[in-house]
PDB file of N, CA and C in Angstrom:
ATOM      1  N   UNK A   1     128.285  59.291  98.550  1.00  0.00           N
ATOM      2  CA  UNK A   1     128.341  58.872  97.156  1.00  0.00           C
ATOM      3  C   UNK A   1     127.620  59.902  96.282  1.00  0.00           C
ATOM      4  N   UNK A   2     128.196  60.243  95.187  1.00  0.00           N
ATOM      5  CA  UNK A   2     127.619  61.188  94.235  1.00  0.00           C
ATOM      6  C   UNK A   2     126.691  60.411  93.291  1.00  0.00           C
ATOM      7  N   UNK A   3     125.536  60.986  92.995  1.00  0.00           N
ATOM      8  CA  UNK A   3     124.599  60.328  92.083  1.00  0.00           C
ATOM      9  C   UNK A   3     125.177  60.255  90.674  1.00  0.00           C
ATOM     10  N   UNK A   4     124.904  59.147  89.961  1.00  0.00           N
ATOM     11  CA  UNK A   4     125.435  58.984  88.595  1.00  0.00           C
ATOM     12  C   UNK A   4     124.542  59.634  87.527  1.00  0.00           C
ATOM     13  N   UNK A   5     123.784  60.633  87.913  1.00  0.00           N
ATOM     14  CA  UNK A   5     122.873  61.296  86.988  1.00  0.00           C
ATOM     15  C   UNK A   5     122.776  62.776  87.330  1.00  0.00           C
ATOM     16  N   UNK A   6     122.246  63.529  86.374  1.00  0.00           N
ATOM     17  CA  UNK A   6     121.898  64.933  86.578  1.00  0.00           C
ATOM     18  C   UNK A   6     120.391  64.962  86.747  1.00  0.00           C
ATOM     19  N   UNK A   7     119.913  65.725  87.715  1.00  0.00           N
ATOM     20  CA  UNK A   7     118.480  65.741  88.007  1.00  0.00           C
ATOM     21  C   UNK A   7     117.938  67.160  87.917  1.00  0.00           C
ATOM     22  N   UNK A   8     116.783  67.301  87.252  1.00  0.00           N
ATOM     23  CA  UNK A   8     116.073  68.570  87.183  1.00  0.00           C
ATOM     24  C   UNK A   8     114.605  68.278  87.439  1.00  0.00           C
ATOM     25  N   UNK A   9     114.181  68.479  88.679  1.00  0.00           N
ATOM     26  CA  UNK A   9     112.822  68.152  89.129  1.00  0.00           C
ATOM     27  C   UNK A   9     112.572  66.661  88.960  1.00  0.00           C
ATOM     28  N   UNK A  10     111.693  66.265  88.046  1.00  0.00           N
ATOM     29  CA  UNK A  10     111.364  64.845  87.878  1.00  0.00           C
ATOM     30  C   UNK A  10     112.068  64.206  86.674  1.00  0.00           C
ATOM     31  N   UNK A  11     113.022  64.908  86.090  1.00  0.00           N
ATOM     32  CA  UNK A  11     113.785  64.392  84.939  1.00  0.00           C
ATOM     33  C   UNK A  11     115.196  64.029  85.395  1.00  0.00           C
ATOM     34  N   UNK A  12     115.657  62.857  84.980  1.00  0.00           N
ATOM     35  CA  UNK A  12     117.031  62.432  85.252  1.00  0.00           C
ATOM     36  C   UNK A  12     117.716  62.084  83.942  1.00  0.00           C
ATOM     37  N   UNK A  13     118.981  62.467  83.861  1.00  0.00           N
ATOM     38  CA  UNK A  13     119.782  62.152  82.677  1.00  0.00           C
ATOM     39  C   UNK A  13     121.031  61.401  83.131  1.00  0.00           C
ATOM     40  N   UNK A  14     121.199  60.208  82.578  1.00  0.00           N
ATOM     41  CA  UNK A  14     122.374  59.380  82.828  1.00  0.00           C
ATOM     42  C   UNK A  14     123.258  59.468  81.597  1.00  0.00           C
ATOM     43  N   UNK A  15     124.509  59.836  81.783  1.00  0.00           N
ATOM     44  CA  UNK A  15     125.450  59.946  80.675  1.00  0.00           C
ATOM     45  C   UNK A  15     125.922  58.566  80.236  1.00  0.00           C
ATOM     46  N   UNK A  16     126.104  58.407  78.939  1.00  0.00           N
ATOM     47  CA  UNK A  16     126.662  57.158  78.428  1.00  0.00           C
ATOM     48  C   UNK A  16     128.132  57.030  78.807  1.00  0.00           C
ATOM     49  N   UNK A  17     128.723  58.099  79.327  1.00  0.00           N
ATOM     50  CA  UNK A  17     130.118  58.072  79.784  1.00  0.00           C
ATOM     51  C   UNK A  17     130.248  57.572  81.224  1.00  0.00           C
ATOM     52  N   UNK A  18     129.114  57.387  81.909  1.00  0.00           N
ATOM     53  CA  UNK A  18     129.118  56.888  83.280  1.00  0.00           C
ATOM     54  C   UNK A  18     129.693  55.480  83.312  1.00  0.00           C
ATOM     55  N   UNK A  19     130.505  55.196  84.310  1.00  0.00           N
ATOM     56  CA  UNK A  19     131.040  53.845  84.481  1.00  0.00           C
ATOM     57  C   UNK A  19     129.920  52.928  84.973  1.00  0.00           C
ATOM     58  N   UNK A  20     129.857  51.715  84.442  1.00  0.00           N
ATOM     59  CA  UNK A  20     128.824  50.765  84.861  1.00  0.00           C
ATOM     60  C   UNK A  20     128.883  50.533  86.369  1.00  0.00           C
ATOM     61  N   UNK A  21     130.055  50.573  86.949  1.00  0.00           N
ATOM     62  CA  UNK A  21     130.209  50.338  88.392  1.00  0.00           C
ATOM     63  C   UNK A  21     129.486  51.392  89.240  1.00  0.00           C
ATOM     64  N   UNK A  22     129.168  52.540  88.652  1.00  0.00           N
ATOM     65  CA  UNK A  22     128.424  53.577  89.365  1.00  0.00           C
ATOM     66  C   UNK A  22     126.916  53.310  89.370  1.00  0.00           C
ATOM     67  N   UNK A  23     126.452  52.439  88.497  1.00  0.00           N
ATOM     68  CA  UNK A  23     125.025  52.134  88.368  1.00  0.00           C
ATOM     69  C   UNK A  23     124.716  50.900  89.223  1.00  0.00           C
ATOM     70  N   UNK A  24     124.597  51.122  90.509  1.00  0.00           N
ATOM     71  CA  UNK A  24     124.515  50.038  91.492  1.00  0.00           C
ATOM     72  C   UNK A  24     123.082  49.546  91.707  1.00  0.00           C
ATOM     73  N   UNK A  25     122.987  48.327  92.210  1.00  0.00           N
ATOM     74  CA  UNK A  25     121.702  47.806  92.670  1.00  0.00           C
ATOM     75  C   UNK A  25     121.238  48.703  93.807  1.00  0.00           C
ATOM     76  N   UNK A  26     119.951  49.035  93.807  1.00  0.00           N
ATOM     77  CA  UNK A  26     119.430  49.888  94.866  1.00  0.00           C
ATOM     78  C   UNK A  26     117.931  49.686  95.031  1.00  0.00           C
ATOM     79  N   UNK A  27     117.400  50.281  96.109  1.00  0.00           N
ATOM     80  CA  UNK A  27     115.963  50.264  96.382  1.00  0.00           C
ATOM     81  C   UNK A  27     115.518  51.701  96.636  1.00  0.00           C
ATOM     82  N   UNK A  28     114.280  51.993  96.329  1.00  0.00           N
ATOM     83  CA  UNK A  28     113.708  53.312  96.579  1.00  0.00           C
ATOM     84  C   UNK A  28     112.662  53.195  97.677  1.00  0.00           C
ATOM     85  N   UNK A  29     112.463  54.270  98.434  1.00  0.00           N
ATOM     86  CA  UNK A  29     111.537  54.240  99.567  1.00  0.00           C
ATOM     87  C   UNK A  29     110.073  54.300  99.157  1.00  0.00           C
ATOM     88  N   UNK A  30     109.802  54.802  97.947  1.00  0.00           N
ATOM     89  CA  UNK A  30     108.415  54.953  97.492  1.00  0.00           C
ATOM     90  C   UNK A  30     108.195  54.204  96.186  1.00  0.00           C
ATOM     91  N   UNK A  31     106.935  53.804  95.947  1.00  0.00           N
ATOM     92  CA  UNK A  31     106.571  53.262  94.635  1.00  0.00           C
ATOM     93  C   UNK A  31     106.790  54.372  93.616  1.00  0.00           C
ATOM     94  N   UNK A  32     107.187  53.976  92.420  1.00  0.00           N
ATOM     95  CA  UNK A  32     107.368  54.971  91.364  1.00  0.00           C
ATOM     96  C   UNK A  32     107.206  54.317  90.006  1.00  0.00           C
ATOM     97  N   UNK A  33     106.974  55.149  89.032  1.00  0.00           N
ATOM     98  CA  UNK A  33     107.030  54.680  87.649  1.00  0.00           C
ATOM     99  C   UNK A  33     108.053  55.553  86.931  1.00  0.00           C
ATOM    100  N   UNK A  34     108.690  54.944  85.958  1.00  0.00           N
ATOM    101  CA  UNK A  34     109.745  55.601  85.195  1.00  0.00           C
ATOM    102  C   UNK A  34     109.347  55.557  83.722  1.00  0.00           C
ATOM    103  N   UNK A  35     109.349  56.704  83.070  1.00  0.00           N
ATOM    104  CA  UNK A  35     109.045  56.791  81.641  1.00  0.00           C
ATOM    105  C   UNK A  35     110.356  57.081  80.908  1.00  0.00           C
ATOM    106  N   UNK A  36     110.634  56.280  79.883  1.00  0.00           N
ATOM    107  CA  UNK A  36     111.847  56.464  79.094  1.00  0.00           C
ATOM    108  C   UNK A  36     111.572  57.532  78.042  1.00  0.00           C
ATOM    109  N   UNK A  37     112.304  58.645  78.112  1.00  0.00           N
ATOM    110  CA  UNK A  37     112.138  59.747  77.164  1.00  0.00           C
ATOM    111  C   UNK A  37     113.085  59.608  75.978  1.00  0.00           C
ATOM    112  N   UNK A  38     114.311  59.167  76.245  1.00  0.00           N
ATOM    113  CA  UNK A  38     115.271  58.909  75.164  1.00  0.00           C
ATOM    114  C   UNK A  38     116.433  58.096  75.707  1.00  0.00           C
ATOM    115  N   UNK A  39     117.140  57.458  74.804  1.00  0.00           N
ATOM    116  CA  UNK A  39     118.296  56.653  75.175  1.00  0.00           C
ATOM    117  C   UNK A  39     118.314  55.366  74.365  1.00  0.00           C
ATOM    118  N   UNK A  40     119.497  54.943  73.971  1.00  0.00           N
ATOM    119  CA  UNK A  40     119.635  53.750  73.137  1.00  0.00           C
ATOM    120  C   UNK A  40     120.564  52.746  73.814  1.00  0.00           C
ATOM    121  N   UNK A  41     120.119  51.501  73.877  1.00  0.00           N
ATOM    122  CA  UNK A  41     120.949  50.416  74.373  1.00  0.00           C
ATOM    123  C   UNK A  41     120.912  50.208  75.879  1.00  0.00           C
ATOM    124  N   UNK A  42     120.151  51.009  76.610  1.00  0.00           N
ATOM    125  CA  UNK A  42     120.061  50.871  78.062  1.00  0.00           C
ATOM    126  C   UNK A  42     119.128  49.713  78.422  1.00  0.00           C
ATOM    127  N   UNK A  43     119.368  49.118  79.597  1.00  0.00           N
ATOM    128  CA  UNK A  43     118.520  48.033  80.073  1.00  0.00           C
ATOM    129  C   UNK A  43     118.154  48.270  81.539  1.00  0.00           C
ATOM    130  N   UNK A  44     117.044  47.669  81.938  1.00  0.00           N
ATOM    131  CA  UNK A  44     116.551  47.718  83.319  1.00  0.00           C
ATOM    132  C   UNK A  44     116.518  46.292  83.830  1.00  0.00           C
ATOM    133  N   UNK A  45     116.932  46.094  85.086  1.00  0.00           N
ATOM    134  CA  UNK A  45     116.928  44.749  85.653  1.00  0.00           C
ATOM    135  C   UNK A  45     116.400  44.777  87.080  1.00  0.00           C
ATOM    136  N   UNK A  46     115.438  43.895  87.353  1.00  0.00           N
ATOM    137  CA  UNK A  46     114.932  43.674  88.703  1.00  0.00           C
ATOM    138  C   UNK A  46     115.718  42.513  89.313  1.00  0.00           C
ATOM    139  N   UNK A  47     115.750  42.452  90.617  1.00  0.00           N
ATOM    140  CA  UNK A  47     116.426  41.367  91.316  1.00  0.00           C
ATOM    141  C   UNK A  47     115.845  40.020  90.870  1.00  0.00           C
ATOM    142  N   UNK A  48     116.703  39.073  90.583  1.00  0.00           N
ATOM    143  CA  UNK A  48     116.334  37.710  90.182  1.00  0.00           C
ATOM    144  C   UNK A  48     115.595  37.645  88.846  1.00  0.00           C
ATOM    145  N   UNK A  49     115.772  38.653  87.993  1.00  0.00           N
ATOM    146  CA  UNK A  49     115.179  38.636  86.654  1.00  0.00           C
ATOM    147  C   UNK A  49     116.251  39.008  85.629  1.00  0.00           C
ATOM    148  N   UNK A  50     116.005  38.618  84.387  1.00  0.00           N
ATOM    149  CA  UNK A  50     116.909  39.001  83.306  1.00  0.00           C
ATOM    150  C   UNK A  50     116.703  40.467  82.947  1.00  0.00           C
ATOM    151  N   UNK A  51     117.737  41.153  82.472  1.00  0.00           N
ATOM    152  CA  UNK A  51     117.578  42.554  82.061  1.00  0.00           C
ATOM    153  C   UNK A  51     116.636  42.673  80.866  1.00  0.00           C
ATOM    154  N   UNK A  52     115.934  43.819  80.802  1.00  0.00           N
ATOM    155  CA  UNK A  52     115.074  44.080  79.645  1.00  0.00           C
ATOM    156  C   UNK A  52     115.520  45.375  78.986  1.00  0.00           C
ATOM    157  N   UNK A  53     115.459  45.389  77.671  1.00  0.00           N
ATOM    158  CA  UNK A  53     115.875  46.564  76.904  1.00  0.00           C
ATOM    159  C   UNK A  53     114.868  47.682  77.102  1.00  0.00           C
ATOM    160  N   UNK A  54     115.363  48.898  77.287  1.00  0.00           N
ATOM    161  CA  UNK A  54     114.516  50.074  77.430  1.00  0.00           C
ATOM    162  C   UNK A  54     114.374  50.775  76.093  1.00  0.00           C
ATOM    163  N   UNK A  55     113.151  51.173  75.773  1.00  0.00           N
ATOM    164  CA  UNK A  55     112.862  51.891  74.531  1.00  0.00           C
ATOM    165  C   UNK A  55     112.093  53.162  74.858  1.00  0.00           C
ATOM    166  N   UNK A  56     112.262  54.157  74.024  1.00  0.00           N
ATOM    167  CA  UNK A  56     111.539  55.412  74.186  1.00  0.00           C
ATOM    168  C   UNK A  56     110.045  55.143  74.311  1.00  0.00           C
ATOM    169  N   UNK A  57     109.418  55.732  75.334  1.00  0.00           N
ATOM    170  CA  UNK A  57     107.988  55.571  75.554  1.00  0.00           C
ATOM    171  C   UNK A  57     107.642  54.481  76.555  1.00  0.00           C
ATOM    172  N   UNK A  58     108.592  53.593  76.873  1.00  0.00           N
ATOM    173  CA  UNK A  58     108.328  52.556  77.874  1.00  0.00           C
ATOM    174  C   UNK A  58     108.026  53.196  79.220  1.00  0.00           C
ATOM    175  N   UNK A  59     107.126  52.566  79.979  1.00  0.00           N
ATOM    176  CA  UNK A  59     106.867  52.982  81.356  1.00  0.00           C
ATOM    177  C   UNK A  59     107.020  51.759  82.244  1.00  0.00           C
ATOM    178  N   UNK A  60     107.854  51.882  83.269  1.00  0.00           N
ATOM    179  CA  UNK A  60     108.154  50.767  84.152  1.00  0.00           C
ATOM    180  C   UNK A  60     107.705  51.119  85.560  1.00  0.00           C
ATOM    181  N   UNK A  61     106.918  50.239  86.175  1.00  0.00           N
ATOM    182  CA  UNK A  61     106.514  50.413  87.564  1.00  0.00           C
ATOM    183  C   UNK A  61     107.533  49.740  88.472  1.00  0.00           C
ATOM    184  N   UNK A  62     107.930  50.429  89.523  1.00  0.00           N
ATOM    185  CA  UNK A  62     108.894  49.901  90.479  1.00  0.00           C
ATOM    186  C   UNK A  62     108.287  50.035  91.876  1.00  0.00           C
ATOM    187  N   UNK A  63     108.133  48.914  92.558  1.00  0.00           N
ATOM    188  CA  UNK A  63     107.573  48.920  93.913  1.00  0.00           C
ATOM    189  C   UNK A  63     108.606  49.417  94.909  1.00  0.00           C
ATOM    190  N   UNK A  64     108.125  50.015  95.986  1.00  0.00           N
ATOM    191  CA  UNK A  64     109.039  50.477  97.028  1.00  0.00           C
ATOM    192  C   UNK A  64     109.856  49.297  97.559  1.00  0.00           C
ATOM    193  N   UNK A  65     111.104  49.549  97.836  1.00  0.00           N
ATOM    194  CA  UNK A  65     112.061  48.588  98.396  1.00  0.00           C
ATOM    195  C   UNK A  65     112.342  47.380  97.504  1.00  0.00           C
ATOM    196  N   UNK A  66     112.032  47.480  96.210  1.00  0.00           N
ATOM    197  CA  UNK A  66     112.359  46.426  95.241  1.00  0.00           C
ATOM    198  C   UNK A  66     113.758  46.705  94.678  1.00  0.00           C
ATOM    199  N   UNK A  67     114.659  45.729  94.804  1.00  0.00           N
ATOM    200  CA  UNK A  67     116.007  45.908  94.258  1.00  0.00           C
ATOM    201  C   UNK A  67     115.952  45.958  92.734  1.00  0.00           C
ATOM    202  N   UNK A  68     116.697  46.917  92.164  1.00  0.00           N
ATOM    203  CA  UNK A  68     116.750  47.061  90.710  1.00  0.00           C
ATOM    204  C   UNK A  68     117.993  47.868  90.330  1.00  0.00           C
ATOM    205  N   UNK A  69     118.306  47.866  89.043  1.00  0.00           N
ATOM    206  CA  UNK A  69     119.429  48.651  88.527  1.00  0.00           C
ATOM    207  C   UNK A  69     119.207  48.930  87.052  1.00  0.00           C
ATOM    208  N   UNK A  70     120.011  49.848  86.511  1.00  0.00           N
ATOM    209  CA  UNK A  70     120.033  50.041  85.069  1.00  0.00           C
ATOM    210  C   UNK A  70     121.420  49.651  84.565  1.00  0.00           C
ATOM    211  N   UNK A  71     121.451  49.261  83.313  1.00  0.00           N
ATOM    212  CA  UNK A  71     122.681  48.838  82.660  1.00  0.00           C
ATOM    213  C   UNK A  71     122.947  49.812  81.520  1.00  0.00           C
ATOM    214  N   UNK A  72     124.174  50.304  81.496  1.00  0.00           N
ATOM    215  CA  UNK A  72     124.584  51.373  80.591  1.00  0.00           C
ATOM    216  C   UNK A  72     124.350  51.052  79.112  1.00  0.00           C
ATOM    217  N   UNK A  73     123.945  52.086  78.370  1.00  0.00           N
ATOM    218  CA  UNK A  73     123.704  51.968  76.943  1.00  0.00           C
ATOM    219  C   UNK A  73     124.690  52.778  76.114  1.00  0.00           C
ATOM    220  N   UNK A  74     124.292  53.009  74.855  1.00  0.00           N
ATOM    221  CA  UNK A  74     125.175  53.668  73.870  1.00  0.00           C
ATOM    222  C   UNK A  74     125.072  55.188  73.876  1.00  0.00           C
ATOM    223  N   UNK A  75     123.882  55.705  74.173  1.00  0.00           N
ATOM    224  CA  UNK A  75     123.662  57.151  74.194  1.00  0.00           C
ATOM    225  C   UNK A  75     123.200  57.546  75.589  1.00  0.00           C
ATOM    226  N   UNK A  76     123.096  58.835  75.861  1.00  0.00           N
ATOM    227  CA  UNK A  76     122.590  59.275  77.162  1.00  0.00           C
ATOM    228  C   UNK A  76     121.158  58.794  77.354  1.00  0.00           C
ATOM    229  N   UNK A  77     120.809  58.492  78.599  1.00  0.00           N
ATOM    230  CA  UNK A  77     119.461  58.055  78.958  1.00  0.00           C
ATOM    231  C   UNK A  77     118.754  59.191  79.673  1.00  0.00           C
ATOM    232  N   UNK A  78     117.555  59.532  79.200  1.00  0.00           N
ATOM    233  CA  UNK A  78     116.746  60.581  79.828  1.00  0.00           C
ATOM    234  C   UNK A  78     115.432  59.947  80.260  1.00  0.00           C
ATOM    235  N   UNK A  79     115.102  60.056  81.552  1.00  0.00           N
ATOM    236  CA  UNK A  79     113.889  59.445  82.086  1.00  0.00           C
ATOM    237  C   UNK A  79     113.080  60.469  82.879  1.00  0.00           C
ATOM    238  N   UNK A  80     111.809  60.173  83.022  1.00  0.00           N
ATOM    239  CA  UNK A  80     110.926  60.977  83.872  1.00  0.00           C
ATOM    240  C   UNK A  80     110.466  60.073  85.014  1.00  0.00           C
ATOM    241  N   UNK A  81     110.607  60.548  86.253  1.00  0.00           N
ATOM    242  CA  UNK A  81     110.236  59.791  87.442  1.00  0.00           C
ATOM    243  C   UNK A  81     108.882  60.287  87.940  1.00  0.00           C
ATOM    244  N   UNK A  82     107.975  59.344  88.186  1.00  0.00           N
ATOM    245  CA  UNK A  82     106.675  59.663  88.777  1.00  0.00           C
ATOM    246  C   UNK A  82     106.555  58.899  90.088  1.00  0.00           C
ATOM    247  N   UNK A  83     106.662  59.611  91.219  1.00  0.00           N
ATOM    248  CA  UNK A  83     106.507  58.945  92.520  1.00  0.00           C
ATOM    249  C   UNK A  83     105.041  58.796  92.824  1.00  0.00           C
ATOM    250  N   UNK A  84     104.684  57.686  93.454  1.00  0.00           N
ATOM    251  CA  UNK A  84     103.289  57.367  93.752  1.00  0.00           C
ATOM    252  C   UNK A  84     102.966  57.707  95.191  1.00  0.00           C
TER     253      UNK A  84
END
């Protein structure tokens, strides 16, 4: 499977042209935090929780092996990943 983002070191960019079906539920092997650098209308959802709107400057902690996904927005989404 091809990743639905472009990656440059710790920065990821998700295109607003990406199909929602490509943004699948998944788990990561390590704890991480994600900082929202830019993007409008995108949401983050943890398993068994309602989606939350992402705003520039938000930082979200994600535990290892926690199911989560993002939901497509109106503009490209640019995030910074910090692995713990």
